[in-house]
Amino acid sequence: MSPAALASLPTAVASLPTAVAPALPLHTAGKYVAGAYIVFLAIVLIYVGIMATRLSRTERDLIELRREVEARRVAQDDDREQEPVA
């Protein structure tokens, strides 16, 4: 290949995506941009909802575990024999 052909190669490769997908006019592209933002917002809201549900479930489990630990401590304290101190 000649040096001139090599120099023109990056511009030919760079212009290939625009040749395949030409830019849309703004009045047409606006619908797609708005749709993309709405889809992105919906995905974020779904993610936040899932995380909130998991957080509340984890908090409930933690409260239940704390109750079980406290109940075991009380049961162990009741089972211990009291020694009189003289």
C-alpha atoms as a PDB file:
ATOM      1  CA  MET A   1       0.000   0.000   0.000  1.00  0.00           C
ATOM      2  CA  SER A   2       1.129   3.480  -0.720  1.00  0.00           C
ATOM      3  CA  PRO A   3       1.579   6.051   2.090  1.00  0.00           C
ATOM      4  CA  ALA A   4      -1.333   8.067   0.741  1.00  0.00           C
ATOM      5  CA  ALA A   5      -3.605   5.024   0.932  1.00  0.00           C
ATOM      6  CA  LEU A   6      -2.510   4.332   4.498  1.00  0.00           C
ATOM      7  CA  ALA A   7      -3.125   7.957   5.487  1.00  0.00           C
ATOM      8  CA  SER A   8      -6.661   7.902   4.115  1.00  0.00           C
ATOM      9  CA  LEU A   9      -7.485   4.594   5.840  1.00  0.00           C
ATOM     10  CA  PRO A  10      -8.441   5.988   9.326  1.00  0.00           C
ATOM     11  CA  THR A  11     -10.808   8.564   7.830  1.00  0.00           C
ATOM     12  CA  ALA A  12     -12.463   5.901   5.707  1.00  0.00           C
ATOM     13  CA  VAL A  13     -12.922   3.664   8.731  1.00  0.00           C
ATOM     14  CA  ALA A  14     -14.146   6.579  10.875  1.00  0.00           C
ATOM     15  CA  SER A  15     -16.705   7.644   8.285  1.00  0.00           C
ATOM     16  CA  LEU A  16     -18.064   4.104   7.912  1.00  0.00           C
ATOM     17  CA  PRO A  17     -20.494   4.264  10.919  1.00  0.00           C
ATOM     18  CA  THR A  18     -21.999   7.526   9.684  1.00  0.00           C
ATOM     19  CA  ALA A  19     -22.428   6.046   6.233  1.00  0.00           C
ATOM     20  CA  VAL A  20     -24.256   3.056   7.683  1.00  0.00           C
ATOM     21  CA  ALA A  21     -26.377   5.017  10.205  1.00  0.00           C
ATOM     22  CA  PRO A  22     -26.905   8.592   9.065  1.00  0.00           C
ATOM     23  CA  ALA A  23     -27.917  11.207  11.643  1.00  0.00           C
ATOM     24  CA  LEU A  24     -31.636  11.668  12.150  1.00  0.00           C
ATOM     25  CA  PRO A  25     -33.187  15.114  11.982  1.00  0.00           C
ATOM     26  CA  LEU A  26     -33.786  16.626  15.426  1.00  0.00           C
ATOM     27  CA  HIS A  27     -37.579  16.508  15.192  1.00  0.00           C
ATOM     28  CA  THR A  28     -37.388  12.757  14.460  1.00  0.00           C
ATOM     29  CA  ALA A  29     -34.548  11.892  16.866  1.00  0.00           C
ATOM     30  CA  GLY A  30     -36.231  13.627  19.808  1.00  0.00           C
ATOM     31  CA  LYS A  31     -38.795  10.849  20.121  1.00  0.00           C
ATOM     32  CA  TYR A  32     -36.082   8.214  20.361  1.00  0.00           C
ATOM     33  CA  VAL A  33     -34.043  10.207  22.867  1.00  0.00           C
ATOM     34  CA  ALA A  34     -37.116  10.732  25.053  1.00  0.00           C
ATOM     35  CA  GLY A  35     -37.967   7.049  24.769  1.00  0.00           C
ATOM     36  CA  ALA A  36     -34.438   6.070  25.774  1.00  0.00           C
ATOM     37  CA  TYR A  37     -34.601   8.340  28.837  1.00  0.00           C
ATOM     38  CA  ILE A  38     -37.980   6.887  29.834  1.00  0.00           C
ATOM     39  CA  VAL A  39     -36.674   3.313  29.512  1.00  0.00           C
ATOM     40  CA  PHE A  40     -33.556   4.214  31.517  1.00  0.00           C
ATOM     41  CA  LEU A  41     -35.653   5.865  34.234  1.00  0.00           C
ATOM     42  CA  ALA A  42     -37.962   2.846  34.389  1.00  0.00           C
ATOM     43  CA  ILE A  43     -34.984   0.502  34.806  1.00  0.00           C
ATOM     44  CA  VAL A  44     -33.551   2.686  37.590  1.00  0.00           C
ATOM     45  CA  LEU A  45     -36.923   2.793  39.386  1.00  0.00           C
ATOM     46  CA  ILE A  46     -37.315  -0.981  39.129  1.00  0.00           C
ATOM     47  CA  TYR A  47     -33.798  -1.434  40.511  1.00  0.00           C
ATOM     48  CA  VAL A  48     -34.497   0.918  43.433  1.00  0.00           C
ATOM     49  CA  GLY A  49     -37.749  -0.928  44.155  1.00  0.00           C
ATOM     50  CA  ILE A  50     -35.990  -4.287  44.196  1.00  0.00           C
ATOM     51  CA  MET A  51     -33.265  -2.945  46.506  1.00  0.00           C
ATOM     52  CA  ALA A  52     -35.876  -1.425  48.865  1.00  0.00           C
ATOM     53  CA  THR A  53     -37.680  -4.762  49.048  1.00  0.00           C
ATOM     54  CA  ARG A  54     -34.436  -6.601  49.802  1.00  0.00           C
ATOM     55  CA  LEU A  55     -33.508  -4.028  52.445  1.00  0.00           C
ATOM     56  CA  SER A  56     -36.836  -4.355  54.250  1.00  0.00           C
ATOM     57  CA  ARG A  57     -36.589  -8.159  54.155  1.00  0.00           C
ATOM     58  CA  THR A  58     -33.046  -7.998  55.549  1.00  0.00           C
ATOM     59  CA  GLU A  59     -34.158  -5.636  58.325  1.00  0.00           C
ATOM     60  CA  ARG A  60     -36.988  -8.009  59.266  1.00  0.00           C
ATOM     61  CA  ASP A  61     -34.582 -10.944  59.368  1.00  0.00           C
ATOM     62  CA  LEU A  62     -32.158  -8.951  61.499  1.00  0.00           C
ATOM     63  CA  ILE A  63     -34.887  -8.030  63.998  1.00  0.00           C
ATOM     64  CA  GLU A  64     -35.943 -11.691  64.183  1.00  0.00           C
ATOM     65  CA  LEU A  65     -32.348 -12.811  64.765  1.00  0.00           C
ATOM     66  CA  ARG A  66     -31.907 -10.220  67.528  1.00  0.00           C
ATOM     67  CA  ARG A  67     -35.054 -11.520  69.242  1.00  0.00           C
ATOM     68  CA  GLU A  68     -33.776 -15.093  69.028  1.00  0.00           C
ATOM     69  CA  VAL A  69     -30.393 -14.113  70.474  1.00  0.00           C
ATOM     70  CA  GLU A  70     -32.066 -12.235  73.335  1.00  0.00           C
ATOM     71  CA  ALA A  71     -34.359 -15.204  74.031  1.00  0.00           C
ATOM     72  CA  ARG A  72     -31.352 -17.554  74.149  1.00  0.00           C
ATOM     73  CA  ARG A  73     -29.531 -15.225  76.537  1.00  0.00           C
ATOM     74  CA  VAL A  74     -32.536 -15.099  78.848  1.00  0.00           C
ATOM     75  CA  ALA A  75     -32.891 -18.895  78.685  1.00  0.00           C
ATOM     76  CA  GLN A  76     -29.202 -19.373  79.477  1.00  0.00           C
ATOM     77  CA  ASP A  77     -29.419 -16.956  82.398  1.00  0.00           C
ATOM     78  CA  ASP A  78     -32.416 -18.871  83.800  1.00  0.00           C
ATOM     79  CA  ASP A  79     -30.653 -22.232  83.395  1.00  0.00           C
ATOM     80  CA  ARG A  80     -27.574 -21.207  85.320  1.00  0.00           C
ATOM     81  CA  GLU A  81     -27.467 -22.177  88.934  1.00  0.00           C
ATOM     82  CA  GLN A  82     -27.205 -19.367  91.404  1.00  0.00           C
ATOM     83  CA  GLU A  83     -24.455 -19.771  93.939  1.00  0.00           C
ATOM     84  CA  PRO A  84     -24.962 -18.119  97.270  1.00  0.00           C
ATOM     85  CA  VAL A  85     -22.349 -15.557  98.156  1.00  0.00           C
ATOM     86  CA  ALA A  86     -21.320 -15.684 101.799  1.00  0.00           C
END
